[in-house]
Amino acid sequence: MIVATGRSLGGSRLISINSCHVDSCLYHGQVSLDFARGLEARGARVRVPTTLNVGSVDLLHPAMVLRRNPEEVKVYEDGRALMAAYTALGCTPSWTCAPYQLPGRPSFGEHIAWAESNAVVFANSVLGARTERYGDFIDICSAVTGFAPYAGLHTDEGRLATVLFDCTGLTGATLDHELTYPLIGYLVGSWTDQGNNPVITGLPPDTPEDRLKALGAAAASAGGVALFHAVGVTPEAPTLEAVLHPSGPIAVHRLELRDLEAARAELTTRSTGKLDAVSVGTPHASIAEIRALAQLLKPAPRFHDEVEVFLSTGRRTLTDAKAEGLVEILERSGVRILVDTCTYVTSVLSAKVHTVMTNSAKWAHYAPANLGVDVAVGTLEECVESAVRGQVTLHPMSEVSD
């Protein structure tokens, strides 16, 4: 399978990799389980450190996963079996879509084989590691063999930028707005054709990792982006010339506040009315994001009785949050903490939920089709305010422009 993949990508040879991140442990049907068990039956074991993406079950809080009908019972049972099968292959049971938040993350220039779109784009862009956008089954094959094709984003040429996004026209206040980054990512993904790499100019040099995470996750969800460069921010892009293809950009997009507002409106399918749930932490919330939520909840606001509030995060981050006393603050306000999975892929939301608020462009992009719900996109503060009121409460981004 690895050789065939390499040939299809036009690779010249195979290269050794230093780590894998496997997305295949999310249950998509019987073939998922058959493939993993087939590897296990043949004595396969991973040859490199291999972390696991989210599964279909919260193993620490199994009661949170709903089993309302035979189909959901099967997903629950087979999902648990699939997670066990990948652990038996020697993979680390990390169960997170944000493996870059774990210790020992890849270093600059290191060749890896990662799946899960947001993990791929973060590794390539923010860390400067090198991986193609691998998918289910190919990921575990790379882990078992220890090889990946030398093609695409593993090569210098394959990492050059061909589409320019100019953000120099955005004001300082807009660049400090929480939603700016997932919305830029959504536009980057929507306007970048498959096989092209975007480069962004005009972002602050000290843009935090969590904002780059939100940008990359949205770009990878809205399109096929597996690498973005941000000039003066990401490690391969000290200058535009350092990453731009010699032939220059094939397209130039100059982003303005109205573009961000239009993107928010496109992702938001319900901007007013009754709110049923809030879901934050897609990709999995970092410790800094959990601190920010806890800070908003320190006055101990009472969520509306008819609003469910979920935070998704990884096990390692949850342990750190407990040590800092953050979990107590969240749970006192009624936040339900989900690990090992995510609310848009697992049966967690109750049947009464019709409108959900999130600060994640990735969640907003996938949830309407996955769950059949309406979505409102807001800041973390707007999510808390709306959960308290029981009504979708959004403030125009233009209110913060200077």
Protein backbone atom coordinates (compact mmCIF):
# COMPACT_ATOMS: atom_id res chain seq x y z
CA MET A 1 0.00 0.00 0.00
CA ILE A 2 2.83 2.41 0.77
CA VAL A 3 4.58 1.65 -2.52
CA ALA A 4 1.33 2.03 -4.46
CA THR A 5 0.64 5.33 -2.74
CA GLY A 6 4.14 6.53 -3.57
CA ARG A 7 3.68 5.67 -7.23
CA SER A 8 0.34 7.47 -7.37
CA LEU A 9 1.96 10.57 -5.87
CA GLY A 10 4.87 10.44 -8.30
CA GLY A 11 7.37 9.71 -5.57
CA SER A 12 10.93 8.74 -6.44
CA ARG A 13 11.67 6.62 -3.35
CA LEU A 14 10.60 5.81 0.19
CA ILE A 15 11.95 7.67 3.23
CA SER A 16 12.12 6.75 6.89
CA ILE A 17 9.73 8.56 9.19
CA ASN A 18 10.09 9.41 12.86
CA SER A 19 6.46 9.30 13.99
CA CYS A 20 2.86 8.68 12.92
CA HIS A 21 -0.53 9.97 13.91
CA VAL A 22 -3.36 7.60 12.99
CA ASP A 23 -6.85 8.78 12.08
CA SER A 24 -8.15 5.30 11.23
CA CYS A 25 -9.30 4.61 14.81
CA LEU A 26 -12.52 6.58 14.22
CA TYR A 27 -15.16 4.00 13.38
CA HIS A 28 -16.69 4.41 9.89
CA GLY A 29 -18.10 0.91 9.43
CA GLN A 30 -17.12 -2.75 9.53
CA VAL A 31 -14.21 -2.27 7.15
CA SER A 32 -12.51 -0.06 9.77
CA LEU A 33 -12.52 -2.88 12.30
CA ASP A 34 -11.71 -5.62 9.77
CA PHE A 35 -8.60 -3.78 8.56
CA ALA A 36 -7.19 -3.21 12.06
CA ARG A 37 -7.92 -6.75 13.17
CA GLY A 38 -6.38 -8.08 9.96
CA LEU A 39 -3.12 -6.29 10.77
CA GLU A 40 -3.21 -7.56 14.34
CA ALA A 41 -3.85 -11.15 13.20
CA ARG A 42 -0.76 -10.99 10.99
CA GLY A 43 1.40 -9.89 13.91
CA ALA A 44 1.79 -6.28 12.82
CA ARG A 45 3.27 -3.80 15.29
CA VAL A 46 4.14 -0.15 14.80
CA ARG A 47 7.83 0.58 14.22
CA VAL A 48 7.78 4.28 15.16
CA PRO A 49 6.08 6.27 17.93
CA THR A 50 2.43 6.41 16.89
CA THR A 51 -0.31 8.48 18.47
CA LEU A 52 -4.03 7.92 17.94
CA ASN A 53 -6.65 10.40 16.81
CA VAL A 54 -10.12 10.63 18.35
CA GLY A 55 -12.27 7.51 18.39
CA SER A 56 -16.03 7.10 18.51
CA VAL A 57 -16.30 6.76 22.29
CA ASP A 58 -15.26 8.74 25.35
CA LEU A 59 -13.59 5.89 27.23
CA LEU A 60 -13.28 7.93 30.43
CA HIS A 61 -16.92 9.06 30.39
CA PRO A 62 -18.74 6.32 28.43
CA ALA A 63 -22.14 7.39 29.73
CA MET A 64 -21.86 10.62 27.73
CA VAL A 65 -22.07 8.71 24.45
CA LEU A 66 -25.74 8.20 23.66
CA ARG A 67 -27.08 4.80 22.56
CA ARG A 68 -30.66 5.57 21.61
CA ASN A 69 -31.12 2.96 18.87
CA PRO A 70 -29.46 -0.24 17.56
CA GLU A 71 -27.32 1.71 15.08
CA GLU A 72 -25.81 3.85 17.83
CA VAL A 73 -25.27 0.78 20.02
CA LYS A 74 -23.30 -0.86 17.21
CA VAL A 75 -21.15 2.24 16.67
CA TYR A 76 -20.48 2.36 20.41
CA GLU A 77 -19.51 -1.30 20.71
CA ASP A 78 -17.53 -1.54 17.48
CA GLY A 79 -15.97 1.86 18.14
CA ARG A 80 -14.60 0.58 21.45
CA ALA A 81 -13.34 -2.59 19.73
CA LEU A 82 -11.59 -0.52 17.05
CA MET A 83 -9.86 1.64 19.64
CA ALA A 84 -8.68 -1.51 21.42
CA ALA A 85 -7.41 -3.00 18.15
CA TYR A 86 -5.18 0.01 17.45
CA THR A 87 -3.84 -0.02 20.97
CA ALA A 88 -2.97 -3.72 20.47
CA LEU A 89 -0.85 -2.71 17.44
CA GLY A 90 1.40 -0.75 19.80
CA CYS A 91 -0.07 2.71 19.25
CA THR A 92 -0.17 5.20 22.12
CA PRO A 93 -3.79 5.64 23.31
CA SER A 94 -3.66 9.43 23.11
CA TRP A 95 -7.14 9.82 21.51
CA THR A 96 -6.63 13.43 20.47
CA CYS A 97 -6.90 15.36 17.22
CA ALA A 98 -4.19 17.69 18.55
CA PRO A 99 -1.10 15.47 18.97
CA TYR A 100 1.04 18.60 18.69
CA GLN A 101 -0.10 19.42 22.26
CA LEU A 102 1.63 16.27 23.55
CA PRO A 103 5.27 16.07 24.70
CA GLY A 104 7.84 15.14 22.08
CA ARG A 105 6.16 16.80 19.14
CA PRO A 106 8.01 16.77 15.80
CA SER A 107 10.83 19.19 15.18
CA PHE A 108 11.57 21.41 12.20
CA GLY A 109 12.35 19.48 9.01
CA GLU A 110 11.48 16.09 10.55
CA HIS A 111 9.73 13.61 8.25
CA ILE A 112 6.56 12.15 9.75
CA ALA A 113 3.37 10.47 8.50
CA TRP A 114 0.38 12.11 10.09
CA ALA A 115 -3.31 11.86 9.31
CA GLU A 116 -6.17 14.09 10.64
CA SER A 117 -6.36 17.26 8.63
CA ASN A 118 -5.80 19.82 11.39
CA ALA A 119 -2.87 17.86 12.80
CA VAL A 120 -1.29 17.66 9.36
CA VAL A 121 -1.59 21.37 8.65
CA PHE A 122 -0.30 22.31 12.13
CA ALA A 123 2.72 20.00 11.84
CA ASN A 124 3.63 21.28 8.37
CA SER A 125 2.92 24.95 8.99
CA VAL A 126 3.55 25.80 12.64
CA LEU A 127 6.21 23.18 13.45
CA GLY A 128 7.85 22.99 10.04
CA ALA A 129 7.80 19.18 10.10
CA ARG A 130 7.07 17.36 6.84
CA THR A 131 4.09 15.15 6.13
CA GLU A 132 1.64 14.62 3.34
CA ARG A 133 -2.08 14.69 4.12
CA TYR A 134 -2.36 10.96 4.78
CA GLY A 135 -5.72 9.29 5.24
CA ASP A 136 -7.22 6.22 6.85
CA PHE A 137 -5.33 2.93 6.42
CA ILE A 138 -2.30 4.59 4.80
CA ASP A 139 -1.47 6.15 8.17
CA ILE A 140 -1.23 2.84 10.03
CA CYS A 141 0.62 1.26 7.08
CA SER A 142 3.30 3.93 7.45
CA ALA A 143 3.44 3.27 11.19
CA VAL A 144 3.87 -0.48 10.66
CA THR A 145 6.52 -0.14 7.94
CA GLY A 146 8.26 3.01 9.19
CA PHE A 147 8.23 4.48 5.67
CA ALA A 148 6.43 7.10 3.62
CA PRO A 149 6.77 8.11 -0.05
CA TYR A 150 9.20 10.92 -0.79
CA ALA A 151 6.70 13.10 -2.61
CA GLY A 152 4.55 16.19 -2.23
CA LEU A 153 5.04 18.03 1.05
CA HIS A 154 8.04 15.90 1.98
CA THR A 155 9.99 17.69 -0.78
CA ASP A 156 11.31 21.25 -0.92
CA GLU A 157 9.51 22.00 -4.17
CA GLY A 158 6.23 20.61 -2.91
CA ARG A 159 6.20 23.11 -0.04
CA LEU A 160 6.43 26.29 -2.13
CA ALA A 161 3.48 28.69 -1.99
CA THR A 162 1.38 29.43 -5.06
CA VAL A 163 -1.57 31.44 -3.66
CA LEU A 164 -1.14 34.74 -1.76
CA PHE A 165 -3.51 36.01 0.93
CA ASP A 166 -2.73 39.63 1.82
CA CYS A 167 -3.99 40.60 5.29
CA THR A 168 -2.06 43.87 5.54
CA GLY A 169 -5.31 45.80 5.08
CA LEU A 170 -6.80 44.45 8.33
CA THR A 171 -6.66 46.80 11.32
CA GLY A 172 -4.90 46.03 14.57
CA ALA A 173 -8.21 45.61 16.37
CA THR A 174 -9.44 43.15 13.76
CA LEU A 175 -6.20 41.18 13.96
CA ASP A 176 -6.72 40.96 17.71
CA HIS A 177 -10.23 39.55 17.30
CA GLU A 178 -10.59 35.88 18.22
CA LEU A 179 -12.70 34.99 15.19
CA THR A 180 -10.34 36.58 12.66
CA TYR A 181 -8.11 33.51 12.55
CA PRO A 182 -10.65 30.72 12.00
CA LEU A 183 -12.39 32.96 9.44
CA ILE A 184 -9.15 33.66 7.58
CA GLY A 185 -8.59 29.91 7.60
CA TYR A 186 -12.06 29.27 6.21
CA LEU A 187 -11.42 31.71 3.34
CA VAL A 188 -7.95 30.28 2.71
CA GLY A 189 -9.37 26.77 2.47
CA SER A 190 -12.31 27.84 0.32
CA TRP A 191 -10.19 29.85 -2.13
CA THR A 192 -7.16 27.57 -2.45
CA ASP A 193 -7.48 24.80 -5.02
CA GLN A 194 -6.31 21.27 -4.21
CA GLY A 195 -2.58 20.87 -4.70
CA ASN A 196 -1.70 24.50 -4.00
CA ASN A 197 -0.12 25.97 -0.89
CA PRO A 198 -1.21 29.38 0.46
CA VAL A 199 1.03 32.05 1.95
CA ILE A 200 -0.38 34.77 4.22
CA THR A 201 1.11 38.22 4.76
CA GLY A 202 0.17 40.77 7.41
CA LEU A 203 -0.35 38.59 10.49
CA PRO A 204 1.29 39.79 13.74
CA PRO A 205 4.73 38.21 14.30
CA ASP A 206 3.65 37.07 17.77
CA THR A 207 0.45 35.33 16.64
CA PRO A 208 -0.17 32.63 19.30
CA GLU A 209 -0.19 28.95 18.40
CA ASP A 210 -3.86 28.56 19.30
CA ARG A 211 -4.81 31.15 16.69
CA LEU A 212 -2.63 29.44 14.09
CA LYS A 213 -4.28 26.16 15.11
CA ALA A 214 -7.74 27.64 14.49
CA LEU A 215 -6.62 29.08 11.14
CA GLY A 216 -5.11 25.82 9.95
CA ALA A 217 -8.01 23.66 11.12
CA ALA A 218 -10.51 25.80 9.23
CA ALA A 219 -8.34 25.86 6.09
CA ALA A 220 -7.95 22.08 6.15
CA SER A 221 -11.71 21.58 6.63
CA ALA A 222 -12.98 24.07 4.07
CA GLY A 223 -10.51 22.83 1.45
CA GLY A 224 -7.57 20.56 0.89
CA VAL A 225 -4.95 22.77 2.56
CA ALA A 226 -2.21 20.76 4.29
CA LEU A 227 0.35 23.57 4.61
CA PHE A 228 0.18 27.33 4.93
CA HIS A 229 2.98 29.82 5.34
CA ALA A 230 2.56 33.03 7.33
CA VAL A 231 5.34 35.51 6.57
CA GLY A 232 7.28 36.45 9.68
CA VAL A 233 5.28 33.95 11.75
CA THR A 234 5.77 30.34 10.62
CA PRO A 235 9.29 28.88 10.60
CA GLU A 236 9.80 28.44 6.85
CA ALA A 237 8.63 31.94 5.94
CA PRO A 238 10.98 34.64 7.24
CA THR A 239 10.17 36.49 4.01
CA LEU A 240 7.65 36.09 1.22
CA GLU A 241 10.45 35.32 -1.23
CA ALA A 242 11.65 32.41 0.92
CA VAL A 243 8.47 30.39 0.30
CA LEU A 244 6.91 31.78 -2.89
CA HIS A 245 7.14 29.66 -6.03
CA PRO A 246 9.63 31.16 -8.53
CA SER A 247 6.83 31.67 -11.06
CA GLY A 248 4.95 33.81 -8.54
CA PRO A 249 1.43 33.41 -7.16
CA ILE A 250 -1.28 32.11 -9.45
CA ALA A 251 -3.83 34.11 -7.43
CA VAL A 252 -3.75 37.03 -4.98
CA HIS A 253 -6.55 37.65 -2.44
CA ARG A 254 -6.54 40.88 -0.40
CA LEU A 255 -8.67 40.23 2.66
CA GLU A 256 -10.76 42.94 4.29
CA LEU A 257 -13.05 42.98 7.32
CA ARG A 258 -16.08 42.55 5.07
CA ASP A 259 -14.61 39.25 3.79
CA LEU A 260 -14.36 37.96 7.36
CA GLU A 261 -17.90 39.07 8.15
CA ALA A 262 -19.16 37.34 4.99
CA ALA A 263 -17.35 34.14 5.98
CA ARG A 264 -18.91 34.25 9.45
CA ALA A 265 -22.35 34.77 7.90
CA GLU A 266 -21.78 31.83 5.55
CA LEU A 267 -20.87 29.51 8.43
CA THR A 268 -23.68 30.78 10.67
CA THR A 269 -26.98 29.14 9.78
CA ARG A 270 -28.89 30.61 12.75
CA SER A 271 -27.92 34.05 14.07
CA THR A 272 -30.81 34.65 16.48
CA GLY A 273 -33.31 32.72 18.55
CA LYS A 274 -33.27 29.95 21.11
CA LEU A 275 -29.93 28.25 21.82
CA ASP A 276 -29.81 24.56 22.72
CA ALA A 277 -26.10 23.80 23.10
CA VAL A 278 -22.56 25.16 22.99
CA SER A 279 -19.58 23.15 21.77
CA VAL A 280 -16.00 24.41 22.05
CA GLY A 281 -12.71 22.59 21.66
CA THR A 282 -12.53 21.60 17.99
CA PRO A 283 -9.64 20.92 17.53
CA HIS A 284 -9.16 19.78 21.11
CA ALA A 285 -8.83 22.70 23.51
CA SER A 286 -5.35 23.56 24.72
CA ILE A 287 -4.57 24.36 28.34
CA ALA A 288 -4.48 28.07 27.42
CA GLU A 289 -7.97 27.84 25.92
CA ILE A 290 -9.28 26.06 29.00
CA ARG A 291 -7.78 28.80 31.19
CA ALA A 292 -9.57 31.40 29.07
CA LEU A 293 -12.91 29.61 29.48
CA ALA A 294 -12.37 29.21 33.22
CA GLN A 295 -11.62 32.93 33.50
CA LEU A 296 -14.98 33.73 31.90
CA LEU A 297 -16.68 31.35 34.33
CA LYS A 298 -15.01 32.54 37.54
CA PRO A 299 -17.95 34.85 38.36
CA ALA A 300 -19.89 31.53 38.38
CA PRO A 301 -22.60 32.44 35.86
CA ARG A 302 -25.48 30.01 35.72
CA PHE A 303 -26.08 28.51 32.30
CA HIS A 304 -29.65 28.47 31.10
CA ASP A 305 -31.40 25.27 32.17
CA GLU A 306 -32.10 24.26 28.56
CA VAL A 307 -28.56 24.79 27.22
CA GLU A 308 -25.98 21.97 27.13
CA VAL A 309 -22.34 23.16 27.20
CA PHE A 310 -19.53 20.87 26.03
CA LEU A 311 -15.76 21.25 26.04
CA SER A 312 -13.73 18.74 24.03
CA THR A 313 -10.08 18.21 24.94
CA GLY A 314 -7.37 15.59 25.14
CA ARG A 315 -6.59 13.39 28.13
CA ARG A 316 -3.16 14.95 28.73
CA THR A 317 -4.62 18.46 28.68
CA LEU A 318 -7.45 17.38 30.98
CA THR A 319 -4.89 16.12 33.51
CA ASP A 320 -3.09 19.48 33.41
CA ALA A 321 -6.39 21.35 33.76
CA LYS A 322 -7.30 19.29 36.82
CA ALA A 323 -3.94 20.05 38.39
CA GLU A 324 -4.57 23.79 37.97
CA GLY A 325 -8.06 23.60 39.46
CA LEU A 326 -9.68 24.59 36.16
CA VAL A 327 -11.92 21.54 35.84
CA GLU A 328 -13.63 22.36 39.13
CA ILE A 329 -14.47 25.85 37.84
CA LEU A 330 -15.84 24.51 34.56
CA GLU A 331 -17.92 21.74 36.10
CA ARG A 332 -19.34 24.09 38.75
CA SER A 333 -20.80 26.17 35.94
CA GLY A 334 -22.19 23.09 34.20
CA VAL A 335 -19.60 22.47 31.48
CA ARG A 336 -19.51 18.82 30.38
CA ILE A 337 -15.97 17.75 29.46
CA LEU A 338 -15.58 15.26 26.63
CA VAL A 339 -12.33 13.43 25.84
CA ASP A 340 -11.24 10.77 23.33
CA THR A 341 -13.74 12.01 20.71
CA CYS A 342 -15.60 15.11 19.50
CA THR A 343 -19.20 16.27 19.59
CA TYR A 344 -19.60 16.47 15.82
CA VAL A 345 -18.56 12.84 15.18
CA THR A 346 -20.06 11.05 18.19
CA SER A 347 -23.63 10.76 19.46
CA VAL A 348 -23.39 13.13 22.42
CA LEU A 349 -25.89 15.93 21.81
CA SER A 350 -29.43 15.13 22.91
CA ALA A 351 -32.32 14.90 20.48
CA LYS A 352 -33.70 18.25 21.66
CA VAL A 353 -30.64 20.09 20.31
CA HIS A 354 -31.37 22.04 17.15
CA THR A 355 -29.14 25.12 17.41
CA VAL A 356 -25.53 24.98 18.59
CA MET A 357 -23.01 27.77 19.12
CA THR A 358 -19.27 27.31 18.63
CA ASN A 359 -16.09 29.34 18.25
CA SER A 360 -14.68 26.78 15.80
CA ALA A 361 -14.99 27.25 12.05
CA LYS A 362 -14.13 23.56 11.67
CA TRP A 363 -17.04 22.49 13.88
CA ALA A 364 -19.36 24.91 12.09
CA HIS A 365 -18.28 23.56 8.70
CA TYR A 366 -18.96 19.90 9.52
CA ALA A 367 -21.78 19.87 12.08
CA PRO A 368 -24.80 20.85 9.96
CA ALA A 369 -24.33 17.87 7.64
CA ASN A 370 -23.10 15.47 10.35
CA LEU A 371 -25.70 16.29 12.98
CA GLY A 372 -28.52 18.09 11.21
CA VAL A 373 -28.24 21.15 13.46
CA ASP A 374 -28.09 24.89 12.91
CA VAL A 375 -24.87 26.64 13.92
CA ALA A 376 -23.93 30.08 15.19
CA VAL A 377 -20.25 31.11 15.13
CA GLY A 378 -19.12 33.37 17.95
CA THR A 379 -16.22 34.17 20.22
CA LEU A 380 -15.67 32.19 23.41
CA GLU A 381 -17.14 35.11 25.34
CA GLU A 382 -20.21 35.18 23.09
CA CYS A 383 -20.62 31.43 23.60
CA VAL A 384 -20.70 31.89 27.38
CA GLU A 385 -23.02 34.90 27.18
CA SER A 386 -25.40 33.00 24.91
CA ALA A 387 -25.36 29.91 27.14
CA VAL A 388 -26.35 32.05 30.11
CA ARG A 389 -29.15 33.83 28.23
CA GLY A 390 -30.38 30.75 26.39
CA GLN A 391 -30.44 32.84 23.22
CA VAL A 392 -27.95 33.18 20.36
CA THR A 393 -26.12 36.43 21.04
CA LEU A 394 -23.69 37.65 18.38
CA HIS A 395 -21.86 40.97 18.15
CA PRO A 396 -20.71 42.31 14.74
CA MET A 397 -16.97 42.14 14.20
CA SER A 398 -17.12 45.70 12.84
CA GLU A 399 -17.79 46.90 16.40
CA VAL A 400 -14.12 46.24 17.24
CA SER A 401 -12.59 47.82 14.12
CA ASP A 402 -10.44 50.91 14.71
